[in-house]
Amino acid sequence: MAIFLTEASKVIVQGMTGAEGQKHTTRMLASGTSVVGGVNPRKAGTSVTLGDVEVPVFGTVAEAVATTGADVSVIFVPPAHTKAAVVEAIEAGVPLVVIITEGVPVADTAEFFALAQENGVRLIGPNCPGLISPGKSNVGIIPADITGPGRVGLVSKSGTLTYQMMYELRDFGFSTAIGIGGDPIIGTTHIDALAAFEADPETEVIVMIGEIGGDAEERAAAYIKEHVTKPVVGYVAGFTAPEGKTMGHAGAIVSGSSGTAQAKKEALEAAGVKVGKTPSETAALARELLA
């Protein structure tokens, strides 16, 4: 098992013909992902050869879905065009839309998030590395060769910390690793991922990486206390961040005691989560549970 993404997932890439789209689609194909098409209205009817695979280009998402049966779209388009791309995917009935783009205006995200909820579409991102179910499918920019399939479920606000944790626990492997993004509004939350990992029979230990700013980790802690029976290990990035200064992600800003790493750590520990002071210490805590 895996969450959200399996070997049966059929993926289309909006923005596949651009430089970033081509680079990462080539990587996704190499890792075994079933990429069934790209979307570019100006290049409809053509195809792109990536590695040794020829991928057709469609004019619209609706056409791509009708022709291929795609059930996942990953978006590599500039911020100004992201809202239109996401809305098109939602209206075409794609059930899972992964938005890699950084710098999407929050008002745009709020708009397409509301539309997604109305239509029962799961969004991941924006400003995220995507997700990977090792050995099955990889959608986004996460390197596929860090680790193989295994028993750990990982949900992280940070892209680079996703990769580090996958590397630290590579000998145990992962059911799914998902980077949810660090913007103030995101499509899939820690809680969504925790619920899915709790229901996944192959996930034995959950690792949750948060960061300063907002109250997502505190809400996740409350959810864990009530609903999660599997062991959860946590890490909160930003213990040394100065108050009132945005750090990295648009959502990572501390105001007063709200949103501090210490407050989040205490909330998680009160819910029975073991919290590491560093990513390596967090991995060591997970390792103890897995051994």
C-alpha atoms as a PDB file:
ATOM      1  CA  MET A   1       0.000   0.000   0.000  1.00  0.00           C
ATOM      2  CA  ALA A   2       0.854   3.676  -0.222  1.00  0.00           C
ATOM      3  CA  ILE A   3      -1.134   6.857   0.271  1.00  0.00           C
ATOM      4  CA  PHE A   4      -2.484   9.051  -2.551  1.00  0.00           C
ATOM      5  CA  LEU A   5      -0.075   7.590  -5.149  1.00  0.00           C
ATOM      6  CA  THR A   6       0.352   3.976  -6.312  1.00  0.00           C
ATOM      7  CA  GLU A   7       1.836   2.017  -9.228  1.00  0.00           C
ATOM      8  CA  ALA A   8      -1.596   2.309 -10.900  1.00  0.00           C
ATOM      9  CA  SER A   9      -1.526   6.137 -10.916  1.00  0.00           C
ATOM     10  CA  LYS A  10      -1.591   7.660 -14.408  1.00  0.00           C
ATOM     11  CA  VAL A  11       0.131  11.028 -14.461  1.00  0.00           C
ATOM     12  CA  ILE A  12      -0.097  14.015 -16.800  1.00  0.00           C
ATOM     13  CA  VAL A  13       2.280  16.974 -16.619  1.00  0.00           C
ATOM     14  CA  GLN A  14       1.009  20.524 -17.127  1.00  0.00           C
ATOM     15  CA  GLY A  15       4.066  22.443 -18.305  1.00  0.00           C
ATOM     16  CA  MET A  16       5.916  19.340 -19.493  1.00  0.00           C
ATOM     17  CA  THR A  17       7.382  21.034 -22.564  1.00  0.00           C
ATOM     18  CA  GLY A  18       9.212  23.713 -20.535  1.00  0.00           C
ATOM     19  CA  ALA A  19      12.776  23.179 -19.310  1.00  0.00           C
ATOM     20  CA  GLU A  20      11.827  22.277 -15.715  1.00  0.00           C
ATOM     21  CA  GLY A  21       8.890  20.181 -16.859  1.00  0.00           C
ATOM     22  CA  GLN A  22      11.017  18.159 -19.263  1.00  0.00           C
ATOM     23  CA  LYS A  23      13.826  17.663 -16.734  1.00  0.00           C
ATOM     24  CA  HIS A  24      11.569  16.391 -13.968  1.00  0.00           C
ATOM     25  CA  THR A  25       9.285  14.370 -16.256  1.00  0.00           C
ATOM     26  CA  THR A  26      12.404  12.545 -17.478  1.00  0.00           C
ATOM     27  CA  ARG A  27      13.311  11.789 -13.838  1.00  0.00           C
ATOM     28  CA  MET A  28       9.768  10.660 -13.023  1.00  0.00           C
ATOM     29  CA  LEU A  29       9.742   8.285 -16.002  1.00  0.00           C
ATOM     30  CA  ALA A  30      13.151   6.883 -15.033  1.00  0.00           C
ATOM     31  CA  SER A  31      11.823   6.056 -11.564  1.00  0.00           C
ATOM     32  CA  GLY A  32       8.922   4.041 -13.003  1.00  0.00           C
ATOM     33  CA  THR A  33       6.128   6.616 -12.897  1.00  0.00           C
ATOM     34  CA  SER A  34       3.413   6.078 -15.499  1.00  0.00           C
ATOM     35  CA  VAL A  35       3.496   9.487 -17.237  1.00  0.00           C
ATOM     36  CA  VAL A  36       0.800   9.281 -19.920  1.00  0.00           C
ATOM     37  CA  GLY A  37       0.881  12.796 -21.364  1.00  0.00           C
ATOM     38  CA  GLY A  38       1.738  16.462 -21.190  1.00  0.00           C
ATOM     39  CA  VAL A  39      -0.498  19.506 -21.684  1.00  0.00           C
ATOM     40  CA  ASN A  40       0.365  22.571 -23.767  1.00  0.00           C
ATOM     41  CA  PRO A  41      -2.304  24.242 -25.948  1.00  0.00           C
ATOM     42  CA  ARG A  42       0.371  25.551 -28.349  1.00  0.00           C
ATOM     43  CA  LYS A  43       1.918  22.106 -28.896  1.00  0.00           C
ATOM     44  CA  ALA A  44      -1.203  19.923 -29.044  1.00  0.00           C
ATOM     45  CA  GLY A  45      -0.814  16.879 -31.246  1.00  0.00           C
ATOM     46  CA  THR A  46       2.973  16.722 -30.939  1.00  0.00           C
ATOM     47  CA  SER A  47       5.041  14.472 -28.683  1.00  0.00           C
ATOM     48  CA  VAL A  48       8.216  14.827 -26.649  1.00  0.00           C
ATOM     49  CA  THR A  49      10.868  12.119 -26.386  1.00  0.00           C
ATOM     50  CA  LEU A  50      12.212  11.921 -22.841  1.00  0.00           C
ATOM     51  CA  GLY A  51      14.864   9.281 -22.269  1.00  0.00           C
ATOM     52  CA  ASP A  52      13.547   6.396 -24.349  1.00  0.00           C
ATOM     53  CA  VAL A  53       9.851   7.260 -23.875  1.00  0.00           C
ATOM     54  CA  GLU A  54       7.717   9.242 -26.320  1.00  0.00           C
ATOM     55  CA  VAL A  55       5.099  11.229 -24.403  1.00  0.00           C
ATOM     56  CA  PRO A  56       2.115  12.744 -26.269  1.00  0.00           C
ATOM     57  CA  VAL A  57       1.185  16.410 -25.772  1.00  0.00           C
ATOM     58  CA  PHE A  58      -2.493  17.354 -25.495  1.00  0.00           C
ATOM     59  CA  GLY A  59      -4.146  20.734 -25.952  1.00  0.00           C
ATOM     60  CA  THR A  60      -6.245  20.555 -22.788  1.00  0.00           C
ATOM     61  CA  VAL A  61      -6.350  18.589 -19.554  1.00  0.00           C
ATOM     62  CA  ALA A  62      -9.849  17.350 -20.431  1.00  0.00           C
ATOM     63  CA  GLU A  63      -8.536  15.879 -23.695  1.00  0.00           C
ATOM     64  CA  ALA A  64      -5.596  14.264 -21.896  1.00  0.00           C
ATOM     65  CA  VAL A  65      -7.906  12.695 -19.292  1.00  0.00           C
ATOM     66  CA  ALA A  66     -10.395  11.468 -21.911  1.00  0.00           C
ATOM     67  CA  THR A  67      -7.609   9.870 -23.990  1.00  0.00           C
ATOM     68  CA  THR A  68      -5.383   8.417 -21.265  1.00  0.00           C
ATOM     69  CA  GLY A  69      -7.549   7.984 -18.160  1.00  0.00           C
ATOM     70  CA  ALA A  70      -5.088  10.133 -16.185  1.00  0.00           C
ATOM     71  CA  ASP A  71      -5.917  10.495 -12.485  1.00  0.00           C
ATOM     72  CA  VAL A  72      -2.987  12.669 -11.348  1.00  0.00           C
ATOM     73  CA  SER A  73      -1.740  15.997 -12.719  1.00  0.00           C
ATOM     74  CA  VAL A  74       1.530  17.639 -11.701  1.00  0.00           C
ATOM     75  CA  ILE A  75       1.929  21.329 -12.446  1.00  0.00           C
ATOM     76  CA  PHE A  76       5.203  22.953 -13.546  1.00  0.00           C
ATOM     77  CA  VAL A  77       3.982  26.350 -14.770  1.00  0.00           C
ATOM     78  CA  PRO A  78       4.977  29.910 -13.739  1.00  0.00           C
ATOM     79  CA  PRO A  79       3.124  31.493 -10.784  1.00  0.00           C
ATOM     80  CA  ALA A  80       1.067  33.839 -12.976  1.00  0.00           C
ATOM     81  CA  HIS A  81      -0.446  30.881 -14.849  1.00  0.00           C
ATOM     82  CA  THR A  82      -0.773  28.448 -11.957  1.00  0.00           C
ATOM     83  CA  LYS A  83      -4.347  29.313 -10.991  1.00  0.00           C
ATOM     84  CA  ALA A  84      -5.596  28.755 -14.548  1.00  0.00           C
ATOM     85  CA  ALA A  85      -3.725  25.434 -14.743  1.00  0.00           C
ATOM     86  CA  VAL A  86      -5.120  24.163 -11.428  1.00  0.00           C
ATOM     87  CA  VAL A  87      -8.674  25.272 -12.273  1.00  0.00           C
ATOM     88  CA  GLU A  88      -8.425  23.468 -15.615  1.00  0.00           C
ATOM     89  CA  ALA A  89      -7.296  20.252 -13.897  1.00  0.00           C
ATOM     90  CA  ILE A  90     -10.095  20.477 -11.303  1.00  0.00           C
ATOM     91  CA  GLU A  91     -12.734  21.131 -13.975  1.00  0.00           C
ATOM     92  CA  ALA A  92     -11.429  18.158 -15.989  1.00  0.00           C
ATOM     93  CA  GLY A  93     -12.094  15.936 -12.970  1.00  0.00           C
ATOM     94  CA  VAL A  94      -8.492  15.007 -12.076  1.00  0.00           C
ATOM     95  CA  PRO A  95      -8.759  13.661  -8.494  1.00  0.00           C
ATOM     96  CA  LEU A  96      -5.151  14.474  -7.422  1.00  0.00           C
ATOM     97  CA  VAL A  97      -3.377  17.688  -8.476  1.00  0.00           C
ATOM     98  CA  VAL A  98       0.217  18.314  -7.345  1.00  0.00           C
ATOM     99  CA  ILE A  99       1.396  21.939  -7.576  1.00  0.00           C
ATOM    100  CA  ILE A 100       5.175  22.329  -7.531  1.00  0.00           C
ATOM    101  CA  THR A 101       5.242  26.062  -8.367  1.00  0.00           C
ATOM    102  CA  GLU A 102       6.660  28.469  -5.781  1.00  0.00           C
ATOM    103  CA  GLY A 103       5.422  32.061  -5.458  1.00  0.00           C
ATOM    104  CA  VAL A 104       1.741  31.461  -6.220  1.00  0.00           C
ATOM    105  CA  PRO A 105      -0.286  34.454  -4.889  1.00  0.00           C
ATOM    106  CA  VAL A 106      -2.162  33.413  -1.729  1.00  0.00           C
ATOM    107  CA  ALA A 107      -5.421  34.865  -3.123  1.00  0.00           C
ATOM    108  CA  ASP A 108      -5.084  32.540  -6.129  1.00  0.00           C
ATOM    109  CA  THR A 109      -4.473  29.541  -3.874  1.00  0.00           C
ATOM    110  CA  ALA A 110      -7.507  30.406  -1.735  1.00  0.00           C
ATOM    111  CA  GLU A 111      -9.643  30.542  -4.869  1.00  0.00           C
ATOM    112  CA  PHE A 112      -8.556  27.251  -6.402  1.00  0.00           C
ATOM    113  CA  PHE A 113      -8.496  25.504  -3.008  1.00  0.00           C
ATOM    114  CA  ALA A 114     -12.187  26.380  -2.507  1.00  0.00           C
ATOM    115  CA  LEU A 115     -12.983  25.074  -5.999  1.00  0.00           C
ATOM    116  CA  ALA A 116     -11.069  21.844  -5.309  1.00  0.00           C
ATOM    117  CA  GLN A 117     -13.019  21.244  -2.102  1.00  0.00           C
ATOM    118  CA  GLU A 118     -16.325  21.789  -3.914  1.00  0.00           C
ATOM    119  CA  ASN A 119     -15.311  19.197  -6.502  1.00  0.00           C
ATOM    120  CA  GLY A 120     -13.734  16.602  -4.198  1.00  0.00           C
ATOM    121  CA  VAL A 121     -10.255  17.107  -5.669  1.00  0.00           C
ATOM    122  CA  ARG A 122      -7.131  16.644  -3.524  1.00  0.00           C
ATOM    123  CA  LEU A 123      -4.461  19.313  -4.022  1.00  0.00           C
ATOM    124  CA  ILE A 124      -0.867  18.927  -2.815  1.00  0.00           C
ATOM    125  CA  GLY A 125       1.102  22.178  -2.599  1.00  0.00           C
ATOM    126  CA  PRO A 126       1.677  24.742  -3.890  1.00  0.00           C
ATOM    127  CA  ASN A 127       5.382  25.378  -3.250  1.00  0.00           C
ATOM    128  CA  CYS A 128       6.094  21.721  -2.561  1.00  0.00           C
ATOM    129  CA  PRO A 129       8.392  18.931  -3.811  1.00  0.00           C
ATOM    130  CA  GLY A 130       5.472  16.563  -4.484  1.00  0.00           C
ATOM    131  CA  LEU A 131       5.224  12.993  -3.260  1.00  0.00           C
ATOM    132  CA  ILE A 132       6.784   9.596  -3.809  1.00  0.00           C
ATOM    133  CA  SER A 133       5.708   6.042  -3.099  1.00  0.00           C
ATOM    134  CA  PRO A 134       9.130   4.429  -3.641  1.00  0.00           C
ATOM    135  CA  GLY A 135       9.189   1.634  -6.191  1.00  0.00           C
ATOM    136  CA  LYS A 136       5.680   2.569  -7.336  1.00  0.00           C
ATOM    137  CA  SER A 137       5.391   6.185  -8.485  1.00  0.00           C
ATOM    138  CA  ASN A 138       7.066   9.564  -8.047  1.00  0.00           C
ATOM    139  CA  VAL A 139       5.299  12.850  -8.816  1.00  0.00           C
ATOM    140  CA  GLY A 140       7.254  16.099  -8.483  1.00  0.00           C
ATOM    141  CA  ILE A 141      10.919  16.795  -7.790  1.00  0.00           C
ATOM    142  CA  ILE A 142      11.823  14.354  -4.986  1.00  0.00           C
ATOM    143  CA  PRO A 143      14.910  12.295  -5.948  1.00  0.00           C
ATOM    144  CA  ALA A 144      13.780   8.696  -6.457  1.00  0.00           C
ATOM    145  CA  ASP A 145      17.068   6.992  -5.635  1.00  0.00           C
ATOM    146  CA  ILE A 146      17.388   8.012  -1.965  1.00  0.00           C
ATOM    147  CA  THR A 147      15.417   5.090  -0.590  1.00  0.00           C
ATOM    148  CA  GLY A 148      13.198   2.149  -1.461  1.00  0.00           C
ATOM    149  CA  PRO A 149       9.774   0.951  -0.296  1.00  0.00           C
ATOM    150  CA  GLY A 150       9.302   0.310   3.400  1.00  0.00           C
ATOM    151  CA  ARG A 151       7.426   0.930   6.627  1.00  0.00           C
ATOM    152  CA  VAL A 152       7.819   4.677   7.280  1.00  0.00           C
ATOM    153  CA  GLY A 153       5.257   7.303   6.325  1.00  0.00           C
ATOM    154  CA  LEU A 154       6.667  10.837   6.042  1.00  0.00           C
ATOM    155  CA  VAL A 155       4.806  14.157   5.855  1.00  0.00           C
ATOM    156  CA  SER A 156       6.873  17.336   5.727  1.00  0.00           C
ATOM    157  CA  LYS A 157       6.449  21.067   5.205  1.00  0.00           C
ATOM    158  CA  SER A 158      10.053  21.329   3.982  1.00  0.00           C
ATOM    159  CA  GLY A 159      11.378  19.911   0.712  1.00  0.00           C
ATOM    160  CA  THR A 160      15.020  19.566   1.694  1.00  0.00           C
ATOM    161  CA  LEU A 161      14.155  18.067   5.084  1.00  0.00           C
ATOM    162  CA  THR A 162      11.987  15.523   3.232  1.00  0.00           C
ATOM    163  CA  TYR A 163      15.074  14.390   1.331  1.00  0.00           C
ATOM    164  CA  GLN A 164      17.259  14.365   4.434  1.00  0.00           C
ATOM    165  CA  MET A 165      14.800  12.251   6.426  1.00  0.00           C
ATOM    166  CA  MET A 166      14.426   9.813   3.518  1.00  0.00           C
ATOM    167  CA  TYR A 167      18.221   9.477   3.463  1.00  0.00           C
ATOM    168  CA  GLU A 168      18.520   9.079   7.244  1.00  0.00           C
ATOM    169  CA  LEU A 169      15.966   6.238   7.256  1.00  0.00           C
ATOM    170  CA  ARG A 170      16.832   4.757   3.862  1.00  0.00           C
ATOM    171  CA  ASP A 171      17.572   1.321   5.327  1.00  0.00           C
ATOM    172  CA  PHE A 172      13.959   1.057   6.546  1.00  0.00           C
ATOM    173  CA  GLY A 173      12.299   2.527   3.440  1.00  0.00           C
ATOM    174  CA  PHE A 174       9.039   4.432   3.013  1.00  0.00           C
ATOM    175  CA  SER A 175       5.423   3.675   2.171  1.00  0.00           C
ATOM    176  CA  THR A 176       4.981   7.260   0.940  1.00  0.00           C
ATOM    177  CA  ALA A 177       6.894  10.495   1.528  1.00  0.00           C
ATOM    178  CA  ILE A 178       4.867  13.640   0.921  1.00  0.00           C
ATOM    179  CA  GLY A 179       6.029  17.262   0.883  1.00  0.00           C
ATOM    180  CA  ILE A 180       2.953  19.381   1.617  1.00  0.00           C
ATOM    181  CA  GLY A 181       4.574  22.801   1.080  1.00  0.00           C
ATOM    182  CA  GLY A 182       5.099  25.762   3.372  1.00  0.00           C
ATOM    183  CA  ASP A 183       2.706  28.396   2.024  1.00  0.00           C
ATOM    184  CA  PRO A 184       0.053  29.931   4.326  1.00  0.00           C
ATOM    185  CA  ILE A 185      -2.660  28.034   2.401  1.00  0.00           C
ATOM    186  CA  ILE A 186      -1.936  24.484   1.206  1.00  0.00           C
ATOM    187  CA  GLY A 187      -4.161  21.833  -0.301  1.00  0.00           C
ATOM    188  CA  THR A 188      -3.163  18.865   1.874  1.00  0.00           C
ATOM    189  CA  THR A 189      -2.316  19.312   5.550  1.00  0.00           C
ATOM    190  CA  HIS A 190      -0.378  17.313   8.120  1.00  0.00           C
ATOM    191  CA  ILE A 191      -3.755  16.065   9.411  1.00  0.00           C
ATOM    192  CA  ASP A 192      -4.824  14.789   5.970  1.00  0.00           C
ATOM    193  CA  ALA A 193      -1.585  12.828   5.646  1.00  0.00           C
ATOM    194  CA  LEU A 194      -1.735  11.538   9.249  1.00  0.00           C
ATOM    195  CA  ALA A 195      -5.264  10.203   8.644  1.00  0.00           C
ATOM    196  CA  ALA A 196      -4.152   8.448   5.456  1.00  0.00           C
ATOM    197  CA  PHE A 197      -1.057   6.921   7.088  1.00  0.00           C
ATOM    198  CA  GLU A 198      -3.153   5.759  10.056  1.00  0.00           C
ATOM    199  CA  ALA A 199      -5.420   3.899   7.599  1.00  0.00           C
ATOM    200  CA  ASP A 200      -2.535   2.442   5.542  1.00  0.00           C
ATOM    201  CA  PRO A 201      -1.686  -1.091   6.717  1.00  0.00           C
ATOM    202  CA  GLU A 202       1.923  -0.932   5.511  1.00  0.00           C
ATOM    203  CA  THR A 203       2.829   2.273   7.374  1.00  0.00           C
ATOM    204  CA  GLU A 204       4.124   1.352  10.835  1.00  0.00           C
ATOM    205  CA  VAL A 205       5.771   4.585  11.975  1.00  0.00           C
ATOM    206  CA  ILE A 206       4.876   8.145  10.946  1.00  0.00           C
ATOM    207  CA  VAL A 207       7.454  10.946  10.778  1.00  0.00           C
ATOM    208  CA  MET A 208       6.040  14.472  10.745  1.00  0.00           C
ATOM    209  CA  ILE A 209       8.214  17.497   9.946  1.00  0.00           C
ATOM    210  CA  GLY A 210       6.841  20.941  10.696  1.00  0.00           C
ATOM    211  CA  GLU A 211       8.266  24.422  10.965  1.00  0.00           C
ATOM    212  CA  ILE A 212       7.678  27.712  12.740  1.00  0.00           C
ATOM    213  CA  GLY A 213       4.673  29.860  11.873  1.00  0.00           C
ATOM    214  CA  GLY A 214       0.942  29.264  11.978  1.00  0.00           C
ATOM    215  CA  ASP A 215      -0.737  26.616  14.122  1.00  0.00           C
ATOM    216  CA  ALA A 216      -0.751  23.603  11.775  1.00  0.00           C
ATOM    217  CA  GLU A 217       1.479  21.527  14.051  1.00  0.00           C
ATOM    218  CA  GLU A 218      -0.606  22.336  17.140  1.00  0.00           C
ATOM    219  CA  ARG A 219      -3.754  21.243  15.281  1.00  0.00           C
ATOM    220  CA  ALA A 220      -1.952  18.107  14.106  1.00  0.00           C
ATOM    221  CA  ALA A 221      -0.985  17.375  17.726  1.00  0.00           C
ATOM    222  CA  ALA A 222      -4.635  17.579  18.794  1.00  0.00           C
ATOM    223  CA  TYR A 223      -5.593  15.249  15.928  1.00  0.00           C
ATOM    224  CA  ILE A 224      -2.868  12.738  16.853  1.00  0.00           C
ATOM    225  CA  LYS A 225      -4.067  12.669  20.459  1.00  0.00           C
ATOM    226  CA  GLU A 226      -7.632  11.822  19.384  1.00  0.00           C
ATOM    227  CA  HIS A 227      -7.242   9.701  16.253  1.00  0.00           C
ATOM    228  CA  VAL A 228      -3.744   8.279  15.638  1.00  0.00           C
ATOM    229  CA  THR A 229      -2.781   4.942  17.192  1.00  0.00           C
ATOM    230  CA  LYS A 230       0.528   4.468  15.342  1.00  0.00           C
ATOM    231  CA  PRO A 231       3.752   5.914  16.782  1.00  0.00           C
ATOM    232  CA  VAL A 232       4.569   9.416  15.493  1.00  0.00           C
ATOM    233  CA  VAL A 233       7.983  11.069  15.578  1.00  0.00           C
ATOM    234  CA  GLY A 234       8.257  14.805  14.957  1.00  0.00           C
ATOM    235  CA  TYR A 235      10.683  17.574  14.125  1.00  0.00           C
ATOM    236  CA  VAL A 236      10.028  21.316  14.067  1.00  0.00           C
ATOM    237  CA  ALA A 237      12.378  23.456  11.989  1.00  0.00           C
ATOM    238  CA  GLY A 238      13.242  26.951  13.194  1.00  0.00           C
ATOM    239  CA  PHE A 239      14.258  26.875  16.872  1.00  0.00           C
ATOM    240  CA  THR A 240      16.760  29.670  16.272  1.00  0.00           C
ATOM    241  CA  ALA A 241      14.516  31.868  14.081  1.00  0.00           C
ATOM    242  CA  PRO A 242      14.162  35.488  15.238  1.00  0.00           C
ATOM    243  CA  GLU A 243      10.642  36.633  16.122  1.00  0.00           C
ATOM    244  CA  GLY A 244       8.708  38.574  13.464  1.00  0.00           C
ATOM    245  CA  LYS A 245      11.001  37.606  10.587  1.00  0.00           C
ATOM    246  CA  THR A 246       9.805  35.391   7.739  1.00  0.00           C
ATOM    247  CA  MET A 247      12.143  32.444   7.331  1.00  0.00           C
ATOM    248  CA  GLY A 248      12.225  30.595   4.009  1.00  0.00           C
ATOM    249  CA  HIS A 249       8.618  29.608   3.381  1.00  0.00           C
ATOM    250  CA  ALA A 250       5.946  32.290   3.132  1.00  0.00           C
ATOM    251  CA  GLY A 251       4.111  30.736   6.069  1.00  0.00           C
ATOM    252  CA  ALA A 252       7.118  30.521   8.386  1.00  0.00           C
ATOM    253  CA  ILE A 253       6.809  33.606  10.575  1.00  0.00           C
ATOM    254  CA  VAL A 254       6.671  33.757  14.350  1.00  0.00           C
ATOM    255  CA  SER A 255       4.458  36.307  16.114  1.00  0.00           C
ATOM    256  CA  GLY A 256       4.682  36.371  19.927  1.00  0.00           C
ATOM    257  CA  SER A 257       4.591  32.882  21.454  1.00  0.00           C
ATOM    258  CA  SER A 258       2.249  31.728  18.685  1.00  0.00           C
ATOM    259  CA  GLY A 259       3.984  29.693  16.020  1.00  0.00           C
ATOM    260  CA  THR A 260       7.308  29.189  17.813  1.00  0.00           C
ATOM    261  CA  ALA A 261       9.207  25.943  17.489  1.00  0.00           C
ATOM    262  CA  GLN A 262       9.123  25.491  21.280  1.00  0.00           C
ATOM    263  CA  ALA A 263       5.317  25.883  21.462  1.00  0.00           C
ATOM    264  CA  LYS A 264       4.884  23.347  18.656  1.00  0.00           C
ATOM    265  CA  LYS A 265       7.324  20.899  20.266  1.00  0.00           C
ATOM    266  CA  GLU A 266       5.431  21.106  23.574  1.00  0.00           C
ATOM    267  CA  ALA A 267       2.057  20.565  21.879  1.00  0.00           C
ATOM    268  CA  LEU A 268       3.355  17.516  20.013  1.00  0.00           C
ATOM    269  CA  GLU A 269       5.006  16.034  23.097  1.00  0.00           C
ATOM    270  CA  ALA A 270       1.780  16.502  25.057  1.00  0.00           C
ATOM    271  CA  ALA A 271       0.092  14.350  22.399  1.00  0.00           C
ATOM    272  CA  GLY A 272       2.658  11.571  22.885  1.00  0.00           C
ATOM    273  CA  VAL A 273       4.843  12.453  19.889  1.00  0.00           C
ATOM    274  CA  LYS A 274       8.589  12.034  20.349  1.00  0.00           C
ATOM    275  CA  VAL A 275      10.208  15.229  19.034  1.00  0.00           C
ATOM    276  CA  GLY A 276      13.861  15.449  17.986  1.00  0.00           C
ATOM    277  CA  LYS A 277      15.990  18.581  18.367  1.00  0.00           C
ATOM    278  CA  THR A 278      17.661  17.956  14.982  1.00  0.00           C
ATOM    279  CA  PRO A 279      16.683  15.960  11.882  1.00  0.00           C
ATOM    280  CA  SER A 280      19.290  13.303  12.774  1.00  0.00           C
ATOM    281  CA  GLU A 281      18.008  12.980  16.336  1.00  0.00           C
ATOM    282  CA  THR A 282      14.457  12.680  14.931  1.00  0.00           C
ATOM    283  CA  ALA A 283      15.623   9.880  12.626  1.00  0.00           C
ATOM    284  CA  ALA A 284      17.255   8.147  15.601  1.00  0.00           C
ATOM    285  CA  LEU A 285      13.941   8.252  17.497  1.00  0.00           C
ATOM    286  CA  ALA A 286      12.149   6.710  14.496  1.00  0.00           C
ATOM    287  CA  ARG A 287      14.896   4.113  14.212  1.00  0.00           C
ATOM    288  CA  GLU A 288      14.335   3.015  17.834  1.00  0.00           C
ATOM    289  CA  LEU A 289      10.642   2.442  17.092  1.00  0.00           C
ATOM    290  CA  LEU A 290      11.366   0.535  13.886  1.00  0.00           C
ATOM    291  CA  ALA A 291      14.121  -1.685  15.285  1.00  0.00           C
END
